[in-house]
N, C-alpha and C. Protein backbone atom coordinates (compact mmCIF):
# COMPACT_ATOMS: atom_id res chain seq x y z
N MET A 1 -127.13 38.89 56.08
CA MET A 1 -127.34 38.40 54.69
C MET A 1 -127.75 36.93 54.76
N ASN A 2 -128.89 36.61 54.04
CA ASN A 2 -129.37 35.22 54.11
C ASN A 2 -128.69 34.33 53.08
N TYR A 3 -129.10 33.07 53.09
CA TYR A 3 -128.44 32.06 52.24
C TYR A 3 -128.58 32.41 50.75
N GLU A 4 -129.80 32.83 50.31
CA GLU A 4 -130.02 33.14 48.92
C GLU A 4 -129.19 34.30 48.48
N GLU A 5 -129.06 35.35 49.31
CA GLU A 5 -128.24 36.49 48.96
C GLU A 5 -126.76 36.08 48.84
N ASN A 6 -126.30 35.20 49.68
CA ASN A 6 -124.95 34.67 49.58
C ASN A 6 -124.70 33.94 48.27
N LYS A 7 -125.67 33.16 47.84
CA LYS A 7 -125.53 32.40 46.62
C LYS A 7 -125.48 33.30 45.41
N VAL A 8 -126.33 34.37 45.45
CA VAL A 8 -126.33 35.35 44.38
C VAL A 8 -124.98 36.03 44.24
N ARG A 9 -124.42 36.45 45.43
CA ARG A 9 -123.14 37.11 45.46
C ARG A 9 -122.04 36.18 44.96
N GLU A 10 -122.04 34.95 45.33
CA GLU A 10 -121.07 33.99 44.87
C GLU A 10 -121.11 33.78 43.39
N ARG A 11 -122.39 33.64 42.87
CA ARG A 11 -122.50 33.49 41.40
C ARG A 11 -122.02 34.71 40.69
N GLY A 12 -122.30 35.90 41.22
CA GLY A 12 -121.85 37.12 40.59
C GLY A 12 -120.32 37.22 40.59
N SER A 13 -119.73 36.85 41.75
CA SER A 13 -118.25 36.86 41.82
C SER A 13 -117.63 35.88 40.88
N SER A 14 -118.22 34.67 40.79
CA SER A 14 -117.69 33.67 39.89
C SER A 14 -117.81 34.09 38.43
N TYR A 15 -118.90 34.77 38.10
CA TYR A 15 -119.13 35.25 36.74
C TYR A 15 -118.13 36.33 36.40
N SER A 16 -117.87 37.23 37.35
CA SER A 16 -116.93 38.31 37.13
C SER A 16 -115.53 37.79 36.98
N THR A 17 -115.20 36.73 37.76
CA THR A 17 -113.85 36.10 37.62
C THR A 17 -113.68 35.47 36.26
N ARG A 18 -114.73 34.78 35.74
CA ARG A 18 -114.61 34.16 34.45
C ARG A 18 -114.46 35.21 33.30
N ILE A 19 -115.25 36.31 33.45
CA ILE A 19 -115.14 37.36 32.48
C ILE A 19 -113.75 38.00 32.50
N GLY A 20 -113.23 38.21 33.72
CA GLY A 20 -111.89 38.81 33.84
C GLY A 20 -110.84 37.91 33.28
N LEU A 21 -110.98 36.59 33.49
CA LEU A 21 -110.02 35.59 32.93
C LEU A 21 -110.05 35.61 31.40
N ILE A 22 -111.25 35.67 30.85
CA ILE A 22 -111.37 35.70 29.37
C ILE A 22 -110.71 36.93 28.80
N ILE A 23 -111.00 38.10 29.40
CA ILE A 23 -110.41 39.36 28.97
C ILE A 23 -108.92 39.29 29.10
N GLY A 24 -108.43 38.74 30.19
CA GLY A 24 -106.99 38.62 30.40
C GLY A 24 -106.30 37.72 29.37
N LEU A 25 -106.95 36.62 29.03
CA LEU A 25 -106.38 35.72 28.07
C LEU A 25 -106.33 36.34 26.66
N VAL A 26 -107.38 37.06 26.33
CA VAL A 26 -107.43 37.75 25.03
C VAL A 26 -106.33 38.80 24.96
N ALA A 27 -106.21 39.58 26.04
CA ALA A 27 -105.17 40.62 26.09
C ALA A 27 -103.75 39.97 26.03
N LEU A 28 -103.61 38.85 26.71
CA LEU A 28 -102.36 38.13 26.65
C LEU A 28 -102.00 37.70 25.25
N LEU A 29 -102.99 37.16 24.58
CA LEU A 29 -102.73 36.68 23.16
C LEU A 29 -102.37 37.87 22.27
N VAL A 30 -103.10 38.98 22.40
CA VAL A 30 -102.81 40.16 21.60
C VAL A 30 -101.40 40.68 21.81
N ASN A 31 -100.98 40.69 23.10
CA ASN A 31 -99.61 41.19 23.43
C ASN A 31 -98.54 40.21 22.95
N VAL A 32 -98.81 38.93 23.00
CA VAL A 32 -97.86 37.94 22.44
C VAL A 32 -97.64 38.21 20.96
N LEU A 33 -98.75 38.40 20.25
CA LEU A 33 -98.63 38.68 18.81
C LEU A 33 -97.91 39.96 18.55
N MET A 34 -98.09 40.97 19.41
CA MET A 34 -97.40 42.30 19.23
C MET A 34 -95.90 42.14 19.44
N ILE A 35 -95.51 41.41 20.52
CA ILE A 35 -94.09 41.29 20.79
C ILE A 35 -93.42 40.43 19.73
N VAL A 36 -94.10 39.47 19.18
CA VAL A 36 -93.55 38.67 18.08
C VAL A 36 -93.32 39.56 16.87
N GLN A 37 -94.34 40.41 16.57
CA GLN A 37 -94.19 41.33 15.44
C GLN A 37 -93.06 42.30 15.63
N LEU A 38 -92.94 42.85 16.80
CA LEU A 38 -91.82 43.83 17.10
C LEU A 38 -90.48 43.14 16.95
N SER A 39 -90.41 41.92 17.47
CA SER A 39 -89.10 41.18 17.40
C SER A 39 -88.75 40.81 15.97
N ALA A 40 -89.73 40.45 15.20
CA ALA A 40 -89.50 40.11 13.80
C ALA A 40 -89.05 41.35 13.00
N THR A 41 -89.67 42.47 13.29
CA THR A 41 -89.32 43.72 12.62
C THR A 41 -87.88 44.12 12.99
N LEU A 42 -87.53 43.98 14.28
CA LEU A 42 -86.22 44.40 14.70
C LEU A 42 -85.12 43.51 14.07
N ILE A 43 -85.42 42.25 13.85
CA ILE A 43 -84.47 41.34 13.21
C ILE A 43 -84.22 41.78 11.80
N ARG A 44 -85.28 42.27 11.11
CA ARG A 44 -85.14 42.66 9.72
C ARG A 44 -84.54 44.05 9.58
N GLU A 45 -84.87 44.96 10.49
CA GLU A 45 -84.50 46.37 10.38
C GLU A 45 -83.86 46.83 11.70
N GLU A 46 -83.01 47.83 11.59
CA GLU A 46 -82.37 48.38 12.79
C GLU A 46 -83.28 49.37 13.54
N PHE A 47 -84.14 50.05 12.79
CA PHE A 47 -85.03 51.05 13.43
C PHE A 47 -86.46 50.83 12.99
N PHE A 48 -87.39 51.28 13.82
CA PHE A 48 -88.78 51.23 13.54
C PHE A 48 -89.24 52.60 12.95
N SER A 49 -90.22 52.61 12.07
CA SER A 49 -90.63 53.80 11.39
C SER A 49 -91.11 54.87 12.34
N PHE A 50 -91.68 54.46 13.50
CA PHE A 50 -92.29 55.47 14.38
C PHE A 50 -91.29 55.99 15.40
N ASP A 51 -90.09 55.41 15.53
CA ASP A 51 -89.15 55.81 16.57
C ASP A 51 -88.74 57.28 16.45
N LYS A 52 -88.40 57.65 15.25
CA LYS A 52 -87.92 59.05 15.04
C LYS A 52 -88.99 60.08 15.37
N ALA A 53 -90.23 59.81 14.92
CA ALA A 53 -91.33 60.78 15.15
C ALA A 53 -91.62 60.91 16.63
N VAL A 54 -91.63 59.80 17.34
CA VAL A 54 -91.95 59.81 18.76
C VAL A 54 -90.85 60.55 19.54
N ILE A 55 -89.60 60.25 19.21
CA ILE A 55 -88.45 60.91 19.86
C ILE A 55 -88.52 62.43 19.67
N SER A 56 -88.82 62.84 18.44
CA SER A 56 -88.93 64.25 18.12
C SER A 56 -90.03 64.93 18.93
N THR A 57 -91.12 64.25 19.07
CA THR A 57 -92.28 64.83 19.86
C THR A 57 -91.93 64.92 21.30
N VAL A 58 -91.37 63.90 21.86
CA VAL A 58 -90.97 63.90 23.28
C VAL A 58 -89.94 64.93 23.61
N ARG A 59 -88.93 65.04 22.73
CA ARG A 59 -87.86 65.98 22.94
C ARG A 59 -88.28 67.44 22.67
N SER A 60 -89.42 67.67 22.08
CA SER A 60 -89.92 69.00 21.83
C SER A 60 -90.29 69.72 23.16
N PHE A 61 -90.46 68.92 24.23
CA PHE A 61 -90.79 69.47 25.53
C PHE A 61 -89.53 69.70 26.39
N SER A 62 -88.40 69.61 25.76
CA SER A 62 -87.10 69.68 26.50
C SER A 62 -86.87 71.05 27.19
N SER A 63 -86.45 70.99 28.40
CA SER A 63 -86.08 72.19 29.16
C SER A 63 -85.27 71.73 30.35
N GLU A 64 -84.59 72.62 31.07
CA GLU A 64 -83.79 72.26 32.21
C GLU A 64 -84.67 71.74 33.35
N THR A 65 -85.82 72.32 33.49
CA THR A 65 -86.78 71.83 34.51
C THR A 65 -87.28 70.42 34.20
N MET A 66 -87.62 70.24 32.90
CA MET A 66 -88.08 68.91 32.48
C MET A 66 -87.02 67.85 32.62
N ASP A 67 -85.76 68.27 32.39
CA ASP A 67 -84.67 67.34 32.59
C ASP A 67 -84.69 66.77 34.02
N VAL A 68 -84.83 67.65 35.01
CA VAL A 68 -84.82 67.24 36.39
C VAL A 68 -86.08 66.36 36.70
N VAL A 69 -87.23 66.77 36.18
CA VAL A 69 -88.45 65.98 36.39
C VAL A 69 -88.29 64.56 35.80
N MET A 70 -87.74 64.47 34.62
CA MET A 70 -87.65 63.18 33.95
C MET A 70 -86.64 62.26 34.66
N VAL A 71 -85.57 62.86 35.22
CA VAL A 71 -84.57 62.10 35.95
C VAL A 71 -85.25 61.48 37.19
N PHE A 72 -86.06 62.33 37.87
CA PHE A 72 -86.80 61.85 39.05
C PHE A 72 -87.74 60.76 38.71
N ILE A 73 -88.52 60.93 37.60
CA ILE A 73 -89.52 59.95 37.21
C ILE A 73 -88.84 58.62 36.85
N THR A 74 -87.73 58.69 36.12
CA THR A 74 -87.07 57.47 35.66
C THR A 74 -86.53 56.68 36.86
N GLU A 75 -86.20 57.40 37.96
CA GLU A 75 -85.74 56.66 39.18
C GLU A 75 -86.84 55.82 39.81
N LEU A 76 -88.10 56.17 39.54
CA LEU A 76 -89.22 55.39 40.07
C LEU A 76 -89.22 53.97 39.42
N GLY A 77 -88.54 53.81 38.32
CA GLY A 77 -88.49 52.51 37.68
C GLY A 77 -87.16 51.85 37.74
N SER A 78 -86.18 52.45 38.53
CA SER A 78 -84.85 51.89 38.63
C SER A 78 -84.81 50.63 39.46
N SER A 79 -83.80 49.82 39.24
CA SER A 79 -83.67 48.52 39.94
C SER A 79 -83.66 48.75 41.47
N PHE A 80 -82.92 49.79 41.91
CA PHE A 80 -82.80 50.05 43.35
C PHE A 80 -84.17 50.41 43.92
N THR A 81 -84.90 51.29 43.27
CA THR A 81 -86.18 51.73 43.81
C THR A 81 -87.18 50.60 43.81
N LEU A 82 -87.29 49.89 42.71
CA LEU A 82 -88.24 48.78 42.60
C LEU A 82 -87.83 47.61 43.55
N GLY A 83 -86.54 47.37 43.69
CA GLY A 83 -86.08 46.32 44.62
C GLY A 83 -86.44 46.67 46.06
N THR A 84 -86.23 47.96 46.42
CA THR A 84 -86.55 48.37 47.79
C THR A 84 -88.04 48.29 48.07
N LEU A 85 -88.86 48.79 47.14
CA LEU A 85 -90.33 48.78 47.28
C LEU A 85 -90.80 47.37 47.25
N LEU A 86 -90.19 46.49 46.47
CA LEU A 86 -90.58 45.09 46.39
C LEU A 86 -90.41 44.43 47.77
N LEU A 87 -89.27 44.68 48.42
CA LEU A 87 -88.99 44.08 49.72
C LEU A 87 -90.06 44.53 50.71
N VAL A 88 -90.34 45.85 50.67
CA VAL A 88 -91.34 46.39 51.62
C VAL A 88 -92.71 45.74 51.33
N GLY A 89 -93.07 45.66 50.06
CA GLY A 89 -94.37 45.08 49.69
C GLY A 89 -94.48 43.63 50.13
N MET A 90 -93.41 42.84 49.92
CA MET A 90 -93.44 41.45 50.33
C MET A 90 -93.60 41.28 51.84
N ILE A 91 -92.92 42.15 52.57
CA ILE A 91 -93.02 42.08 54.04
C ILE A 91 -94.45 42.40 54.52
N LEU A 92 -95.04 43.45 53.91
CA LEU A 92 -96.39 43.86 54.27
C LEU A 92 -97.44 42.73 53.89
N LEU A 93 -97.25 42.14 52.76
CA LEU A 93 -98.15 41.04 52.34
C LEU A 93 -98.02 39.84 53.26
N PHE A 94 -96.83 39.54 53.64
CA PHE A 94 -96.56 38.38 54.50
C PHE A 94 -97.01 38.58 55.94
N LEU A 95 -96.68 39.72 56.49
CA LEU A 95 -96.92 39.99 57.89
C LEU A 95 -98.31 40.56 58.15
N LYS A 96 -98.68 41.57 57.38
CA LYS A 96 -99.95 42.27 57.64
C LYS A 96 -101.15 41.56 57.06
N ARG A 97 -101.01 41.14 55.78
CA ARG A 97 -102.20 40.46 55.15
C ARG A 97 -102.14 38.98 55.28
N LYS A 98 -101.07 38.43 55.78
CA LYS A 98 -100.90 36.99 55.98
C LYS A 98 -101.07 36.23 54.65
N ASP A 99 -100.66 36.87 53.56
CA ASP A 99 -100.84 36.26 52.27
C ASP A 99 -99.49 35.83 51.69
N ARG A 100 -99.09 34.62 52.04
CA ARG A 100 -97.78 34.08 51.60
C ARG A 100 -97.68 33.93 50.11
N LEU A 101 -98.77 33.52 49.50
CA LEU A 101 -98.79 33.32 48.05
C LEU A 101 -98.54 34.62 47.32
N ALA A 102 -99.23 35.66 47.71
CA ALA A 102 -99.09 36.97 47.07
C ALA A 102 -97.66 37.51 47.23
N SER A 103 -97.11 37.32 48.46
CA SER A 103 -95.75 37.74 48.71
C SER A 103 -94.76 37.01 47.83
N LEU A 104 -94.92 35.69 47.72
CA LEU A 104 -94.06 34.89 46.89
C LEU A 104 -94.16 35.30 45.39
N PHE A 105 -95.40 35.46 44.93
CA PHE A 105 -95.58 35.79 43.54
C PHE A 105 -95.16 37.18 43.19
N PHE A 106 -95.22 38.11 44.17
CA PHE A 106 -94.71 39.45 43.95
C PHE A 106 -93.27 39.40 43.61
N PHE A 107 -92.51 38.55 44.34
CA PHE A 107 -91.09 38.35 44.02
C PHE A 107 -90.91 37.72 42.66
N LEU A 108 -91.68 36.66 42.37
CA LEU A 108 -91.55 36.01 41.09
C LEU A 108 -91.86 36.90 39.93
N VAL A 109 -92.90 37.74 40.09
CA VAL A 109 -93.28 38.69 39.01
C VAL A 109 -92.10 39.63 38.73
N VAL A 110 -91.54 40.28 39.73
CA VAL A 110 -90.53 41.29 39.51
C VAL A 110 -89.17 40.71 39.20
N ALA A 111 -88.70 39.79 40.06
CA ALA A 111 -87.42 39.18 39.85
C ALA A 111 -87.38 38.29 38.61
N GLY A 112 -88.45 37.52 38.41
CA GLY A 112 -88.51 36.67 37.21
C GLY A 112 -88.58 37.53 35.93
N GLY A 113 -89.29 38.62 36.00
CA GLY A 113 -89.37 39.54 34.88
C GLY A 113 -88.03 40.12 34.56
N GLY A 114 -87.24 40.44 35.59
CA GLY A 114 -85.91 40.99 35.37
C GLY A 114 -85.05 39.98 34.64
N LEU A 115 -85.16 38.71 34.97
CA LEU A 115 -84.41 37.66 34.29
C LEU A 115 -84.83 37.52 32.83
N VAL A 116 -86.14 37.61 32.59
CA VAL A 116 -86.64 37.56 31.23
C VAL A 116 -86.14 38.69 30.41
N ASN A 117 -86.12 39.92 31.01
CA ASN A 117 -85.62 41.12 30.34
C ASN A 117 -84.18 40.95 29.91
N SER A 118 -83.35 40.44 30.86
CA SER A 118 -81.93 40.27 30.61
C SER A 118 -81.74 39.27 29.43
N LEU A 119 -82.52 38.20 29.43
CA LEU A 119 -82.44 37.21 28.32
C LEU A 119 -82.80 37.86 27.01
N LEU A 120 -83.85 38.63 26.95
CA LEU A 120 -84.29 39.31 25.70
C LEU A 120 -83.25 40.30 25.23
N LYS A 121 -82.66 41.08 26.17
CA LYS A 121 -81.63 42.06 25.78
C LYS A 121 -80.45 41.34 25.12
N ASN A 122 -80.02 40.25 25.71
CA ASN A 122 -78.86 39.54 25.17
C ASN A 122 -79.24 38.79 23.88
N LEU A 123 -80.47 38.50 23.71
CA LEU A 123 -80.92 37.85 22.46
C LEU A 123 -80.88 38.82 21.27
N PHE A 124 -81.37 40.03 21.49
CA PHE A 124 -81.47 40.95 20.36
C PHE A 124 -80.26 41.92 20.27
N GLU A 125 -79.57 42.17 21.38
CA GLU A 125 -78.33 42.94 21.37
C GLU A 125 -78.50 44.24 20.58
N ARG A 126 -79.57 44.98 20.84
CA ARG A 126 -79.75 46.28 20.16
C ARG A 126 -79.01 47.37 20.94
N GLU A 127 -78.20 48.18 20.24
CA GLU A 127 -77.45 49.25 20.88
C GLU A 127 -78.39 50.37 21.22
N ARG A 128 -78.03 51.12 22.28
CA ARG A 128 -78.85 52.23 22.71
C ARG A 128 -78.68 53.41 21.73
N PRO A 129 -79.60 54.39 21.77
CA PRO A 129 -79.46 55.60 20.97
C PRO A 129 -78.16 56.31 21.34
N ASN A 130 -77.55 57.04 20.41
CA ASN A 130 -76.32 57.71 20.76
C ASN A 130 -76.46 59.26 20.56
N VAL A 131 -77.69 59.76 20.50
CA VAL A 131 -77.93 61.23 20.41
C VAL A 131 -78.91 61.61 21.46
N ASN A 132 -78.78 62.86 21.90
CA ASN A 132 -79.65 63.44 22.95
C ASN A 132 -79.65 62.66 24.24
N ARG A 133 -78.56 62.01 24.54
CA ARG A 133 -78.48 61.22 25.76
C ARG A 133 -78.09 62.14 26.96
N LEU A 134 -79.00 62.14 27.96
CA LEU A 134 -78.81 63.02 29.11
C LEU A 134 -78.19 62.33 30.30
N ILE A 135 -78.25 61.00 30.30
CA ILE A 135 -77.61 60.21 31.37
C ILE A 135 -76.84 59.06 30.73
N GLU A 136 -75.88 58.59 31.41
CA GLU A 136 -75.03 57.47 30.90
C GLU A 136 -75.51 56.17 31.50
N ILE A 137 -75.63 55.15 30.64
CA ILE A 137 -76.06 53.83 31.10
C ILE A 137 -75.47 52.81 30.16
N ASP A 138 -75.12 51.63 30.70
CA ASP A 138 -74.55 50.55 29.92
C ASP A 138 -75.65 49.55 29.56
N GLY A 139 -75.27 48.56 28.70
CA GLY A 139 -76.16 47.45 28.39
C GLY A 139 -76.92 47.70 27.14
N PHE A 140 -77.61 46.67 26.69
CA PHE A 140 -78.38 46.71 25.44
C PHE A 140 -79.72 47.43 25.71
N SER A 141 -80.41 47.70 24.61
CA SER A 141 -81.57 48.58 24.64
C SER A 141 -82.91 47.95 24.56
N PHE A 142 -83.03 46.81 23.89
CA PHE A 142 -84.34 46.21 23.60
C PHE A 142 -84.54 44.91 24.33
N PRO A 143 -85.61 44.80 25.17
CA PRO A 143 -86.59 45.81 25.49
C PRO A 143 -86.15 46.64 26.68
N SER A 144 -86.79 47.78 26.96
CA SER A 144 -86.46 48.66 28.06
C SER A 144 -86.70 47.95 29.41
N GLY A 145 -85.63 47.88 30.21
CA GLY A 145 -85.73 47.23 31.51
C GLY A 145 -86.62 48.08 32.50
N HIS A 146 -86.47 49.42 32.45
CA HIS A 146 -87.28 50.28 33.30
C HIS A 146 -88.76 50.13 32.95
N SER A 147 -89.07 50.15 31.65
CA SER A 147 -90.47 50.00 31.24
C SER A 147 -91.06 48.66 31.62
N MET A 148 -90.28 47.59 31.44
CA MET A 148 -90.78 46.30 31.78
C MET A 148 -90.90 46.14 33.30
N GLY A 149 -89.90 46.63 34.05
CA GLY A 149 -89.92 46.53 35.50
C GLY A 149 -91.12 47.31 36.10
N SER A 150 -91.37 48.52 35.55
CA SER A 150 -92.47 49.34 36.07
C SER A 150 -93.82 48.67 35.78
N MET A 151 -93.94 48.07 34.57
CA MET A 151 -95.19 47.40 34.27
C MET A 151 -95.39 46.22 35.23
N LEU A 152 -94.32 45.51 35.55
CA LEU A 152 -94.43 44.36 36.49
C LEU A 152 -94.78 44.78 37.90
N PHE A 153 -93.97 45.69 38.42
CA PHE A 153 -94.14 46.09 39.84
C PHE A 153 -95.45 46.88 40.08
N TYR A 154 -95.61 47.96 39.36
CA TYR A 154 -96.84 48.78 39.55
C TYR A 154 -98.07 48.05 39.01
N GLY A 155 -97.89 47.24 37.97
CA GLY A 155 -99.03 46.45 37.42
C GLY A 155 -99.48 45.44 38.45
N PHE A 156 -98.56 44.79 39.20
CA PHE A 156 -98.96 43.84 40.26
C PHE A 156 -99.66 44.54 41.39
N LEU A 157 -99.24 45.81 41.67
CA LEU A 157 -99.94 46.60 42.69
C LEU A 157 -101.40 46.85 42.24
N VAL A 158 -101.58 47.12 40.91
CA VAL A 158 -102.96 47.30 40.48
C VAL A 158 -103.76 46.05 40.67
N TYR A 159 -103.17 44.92 40.35
CA TYR A 159 -103.86 43.61 40.58
C TYR A 159 -104.26 43.45 42.03
N LEU A 160 -103.29 43.68 42.96
CA LEU A 160 -103.56 43.57 44.38
C LEU A 160 -104.64 44.53 44.85
N LEU A 161 -104.59 45.72 44.23
CA LEU A 161 -105.58 46.77 44.59
C LEU A 161 -106.99 46.29 44.21
N PHE A 162 -107.17 45.82 43.00
CA PHE A 162 -108.48 45.37 42.55
C PHE A 162 -108.95 44.04 43.23
N ARG A 163 -108.03 43.39 43.87
CA ARG A 163 -108.37 42.17 44.58
C ARG A 163 -108.73 42.50 46.04
N SER A 164 -108.42 43.71 46.42
CA SER A 164 -108.62 44.09 47.84
C SER A 164 -110.12 44.49 48.03
N LYS A 165 -110.44 44.88 49.30
CA LYS A 165 -111.80 45.21 49.66
C LYS A 165 -112.01 46.72 49.64
N GLN A 166 -111.14 47.46 49.00
CA GLN A 166 -111.29 48.92 48.86
C GLN A 166 -112.53 49.21 48.06
N ARG A 167 -113.03 50.44 48.21
CA ARG A 167 -114.17 50.90 47.47
C ARG A 167 -113.79 50.98 45.99
N MET A 168 -114.73 50.73 45.06
CA MET A 168 -114.42 50.70 43.69
C MET A 168 -113.87 52.01 43.16
N GLN A 169 -114.43 53.13 43.67
CA GLN A 169 -113.93 54.44 43.23
C GLN A 169 -112.48 54.64 43.56
N ARG A 170 -112.12 54.12 44.73
CA ARG A 170 -110.71 54.21 45.21
C ARG A 170 -109.81 53.30 44.35
N LYS A 171 -110.31 52.14 44.03
CA LYS A 171 -109.55 51.19 43.19
C LYS A 171 -109.28 51.84 41.81
N ILE A 172 -110.32 52.38 41.20
CA ILE A 172 -110.17 52.99 39.88
C ILE A 172 -109.23 54.14 39.96
N GLY A 173 -109.37 55.00 40.96
CA GLY A 173 -108.49 56.18 41.04
C GLY A 173 -107.02 55.82 41.21
N LEU A 174 -106.73 54.93 42.14
CA LEU A 174 -105.38 54.48 42.35
C LEU A 174 -104.84 53.70 41.18
N GLY A 175 -105.72 52.94 40.53
CA GLY A 175 -105.31 52.20 39.33
C GLY A 175 -104.90 53.08 38.21
N ILE A 176 -105.63 54.17 38.03
CA ILE A 176 -105.27 55.14 36.98
C ILE A 176 -103.95 55.85 37.33
N LEU A 177 -103.76 56.17 38.64
CA LEU A 177 -102.51 56.82 39.06
C LEU A 177 -101.31 55.93 38.79
N LEU A 178 -101.43 54.65 39.15
CA LEU A 178 -100.33 53.69 38.94
C LEU A 178 -100.04 53.51 37.43
N SER A 179 -101.09 53.48 36.65
CA SER A 179 -100.93 53.33 35.20
C SER A 179 -100.19 54.58 34.61
N ILE A 180 -100.53 55.76 35.11
CA ILE A 180 -99.87 56.96 34.64
C ILE A 180 -98.38 56.90 35.01
N ILE A 181 -98.07 56.40 36.19
CA ILE A 181 -96.65 56.28 36.62
C ILE A 181 -95.91 55.34 35.66
N ILE A 182 -96.50 54.25 35.29
CA ILE A 182 -95.91 53.29 34.33
C ILE A 182 -95.61 53.99 33.04
N LEU A 183 -96.61 54.71 32.54
CA LEU A 183 -96.47 55.39 31.22
C LEU A 183 -95.39 56.45 31.30
N LEU A 184 -95.36 57.24 32.34
CA LEU A 184 -94.38 58.32 32.51
C LEU A 184 -92.95 57.76 32.60
N ILE A 185 -92.80 56.62 33.27
CA ILE A 185 -91.45 56.05 33.34
C ILE A 185 -90.94 55.65 31.96
N GLY A 186 -91.85 55.09 31.12
CA GLY A 186 -91.46 54.77 29.76
C GLY A 186 -91.09 56.02 28.98
N ILE A 187 -91.91 57.11 29.10
CA ILE A 187 -91.63 58.33 28.40
C ILE A 187 -90.30 58.92 28.85
N SER A 188 -90.00 58.80 30.14
CA SER A 188 -88.74 59.36 30.67
C SER A 188 -87.52 58.71 30.03
N ARG A 189 -87.64 57.43 29.68
CA ARG A 189 -86.53 56.70 29.08
C ARG A 189 -86.25 57.22 27.67
N ILE A 190 -87.34 57.58 26.96
CA ILE A 190 -87.20 58.22 25.63
C ILE A 190 -86.62 59.60 25.76
N TYR A 191 -87.17 60.37 26.63
CA TYR A 191 -86.74 61.75 26.85
C TYR A 191 -85.23 61.85 27.21
N LEU A 192 -84.81 60.92 28.06
CA LEU A 192 -83.38 60.99 28.50
C LEU A 192 -82.46 60.39 27.45
N GLY A 193 -82.96 59.88 26.39
CA GLY A 193 -82.14 59.44 25.24
C GLY A 193 -81.48 58.09 25.45
N VAL A 194 -82.03 57.25 26.36
CA VAL A 194 -81.37 55.94 26.60
C VAL A 194 -82.15 54.81 25.99
N HIS A 195 -83.31 55.12 25.38
CA HIS A 195 -84.12 54.07 24.75
C HIS A 195 -84.88 54.62 23.55
N TYR A 196 -85.07 53.78 22.57
CA TYR A 196 -85.98 54.07 21.49
C TYR A 196 -87.41 53.83 21.96
N PRO A 197 -88.38 54.50 21.34
CA PRO A 197 -89.76 54.23 21.70
C PRO A 197 -90.16 52.76 21.55
N SER A 198 -89.63 52.09 20.55
CA SER A 198 -89.88 50.70 20.33
C SER A 198 -89.38 49.86 21.47
N ASP A 199 -88.25 50.27 22.09
CA ASP A 199 -87.72 49.57 23.28
C ASP A 199 -88.74 49.66 24.45
N VAL A 200 -89.29 50.86 24.61
CA VAL A 200 -90.24 51.11 25.67
C VAL A 200 -91.52 50.30 25.45
N LEU A 201 -92.01 50.32 24.17
CA LEU A 201 -93.20 49.57 23.86
C LEU A 201 -93.01 48.10 24.11
N ALA A 202 -91.86 47.58 23.65
CA ALA A 202 -91.56 46.18 23.86
C ALA A 202 -91.43 45.82 25.33
N GLY A 203 -90.87 46.75 26.12
CA GLY A 203 -90.79 46.52 27.57
C GLY A 203 -92.15 46.43 28.20
N PHE A 204 -93.03 47.33 27.81
CA PHE A 204 -94.39 47.28 28.35
C PHE A 204 -95.09 45.98 28.00
N ILE A 205 -94.99 45.57 26.70
CA ILE A 205 -95.66 44.39 26.24
C ILE A 205 -95.09 43.10 26.90
N ALA A 206 -93.74 42.97 26.93
CA ALA A 206 -93.15 41.83 27.56
C ALA A 206 -93.50 41.79 29.05
N GLY A 207 -93.50 42.95 29.71
CA GLY A 207 -93.87 43.00 31.12
C GLY A 207 -95.31 42.57 31.31
N PHE A 208 -96.19 43.03 30.45
CA PHE A 208 -97.64 42.69 30.56
C PHE A 208 -97.81 41.17 30.38
N ILE A 209 -97.12 40.57 29.42
CA ILE A 209 -97.23 39.16 29.18
C ILE A 209 -96.80 38.33 30.44
N TRP A 210 -95.63 38.70 30.98
CA TRP A 210 -95.12 37.97 32.16
C TRP A 210 -96.06 38.21 33.34
N LEU A 211 -96.58 39.42 33.52
CA LEU A 211 -97.50 39.78 34.58
C LEU A 211 -98.77 38.90 34.49
N CYS A 212 -99.30 38.84 33.29
CA CYS A 212 -100.54 38.02 33.08
C CYS A 212 -100.34 36.54 33.38
N ILE A 213 -99.19 36.01 32.97
CA ILE A 213 -98.90 34.62 33.23
C ILE A 213 -98.82 34.32 34.71
N CYS A 214 -98.14 35.22 35.40
CA CYS A 214 -97.94 35.07 36.87
C CYS A 214 -99.26 35.18 37.61
N ILE A 215 -100.11 36.14 37.17
CA ILE A 215 -101.42 36.32 37.83
C ILE A 215 -102.33 35.15 37.60
N ILE A 216 -102.32 34.63 36.39
CA ILE A 216 -103.13 33.46 36.05
C ILE A 216 -102.74 32.25 36.94
N VAL A 217 -101.40 32.04 37.12
CA VAL A 217 -100.90 30.96 37.92
C VAL A 217 -101.28 31.22 39.41
N LEU A 218 -101.17 32.48 39.83
CA LEU A 218 -101.48 32.82 41.23
C LEU A 218 -102.94 32.58 41.52
N GLU A 219 -103.82 32.97 40.57
CA GLU A 219 -105.29 32.75 40.76
C GLU A 219 -105.62 31.26 40.84
N ALA A 220 -104.87 30.50 40.02
CA ALA A 220 -105.04 29.02 40.06
C ALA A 220 -104.57 28.45 41.41
N ALA A 221 -103.50 29.02 41.96
CA ALA A 221 -102.97 28.58 43.24
C ALA A 221 -103.95 28.91 44.34
N TYR A 222 -104.61 30.09 44.28
CA TYR A 222 -105.61 30.49 45.26
C TYR A 222 -106.79 29.46 45.24
N LYS A 223 -107.23 29.12 44.06
CA LYS A 223 -108.35 28.18 43.94
C LYS A 223 -107.96 26.81 44.46
N TRP A 224 -106.74 26.37 44.14
CA TRP A 224 -106.27 25.08 44.57
C TRP A 224 -106.11 25.01 46.10
N LYS A 225 -105.69 26.15 46.66
CA LYS A 225 -105.51 26.24 48.11
C LYS A 225 -106.84 26.11 48.83
N LYS A 226 -107.92 26.61 48.21
CA LYS A 226 -109.25 26.49 48.84
C LYS A 226 -109.68 25.04 48.98
């Protein structure tokens, strides 16, 4: 590849980065507005208008087999599972890819997000649903920790995936798969009766906001490092 081709590729990469940053900032702003609206509504009212309808729809698929499936899916977003996978991911990033920044920020994304979730739960102190509960769990309900944690962990994997040198078709395919896992974990929390749909939505939004902030800082760190 000659000098001119290199310059064209660099300009294209720089342009794509700027476009991605703009899209990310817009998405970040939209999600901030959404979490503010959800929080304001929760302060005024105990329930959201869509909670009952969504719970009814999700529970319409109830069966003994589905119970087992949903318990398995919800474990993919548990603290133990995410903590174990986080440790493995950090080690691989540090030793195999020699990317200390990504390893550090992987920890900050997930562990920092867990702290943010705990602060939000104690701020709003929303009690969990008390009907159709299939598993027992303590603590407050809003926002959903499983939903927020899955958005942070699997969402950061999507970021790492699209930053890698994998083929675009593979990136898109794996990105869709990880996104489906995030969505299913949220649905499992509703199905098992331990969260309202609004808890899950708030968890996704809060997780996305924290994820975007960390990625923006990480990208700035990469540029500063160069």
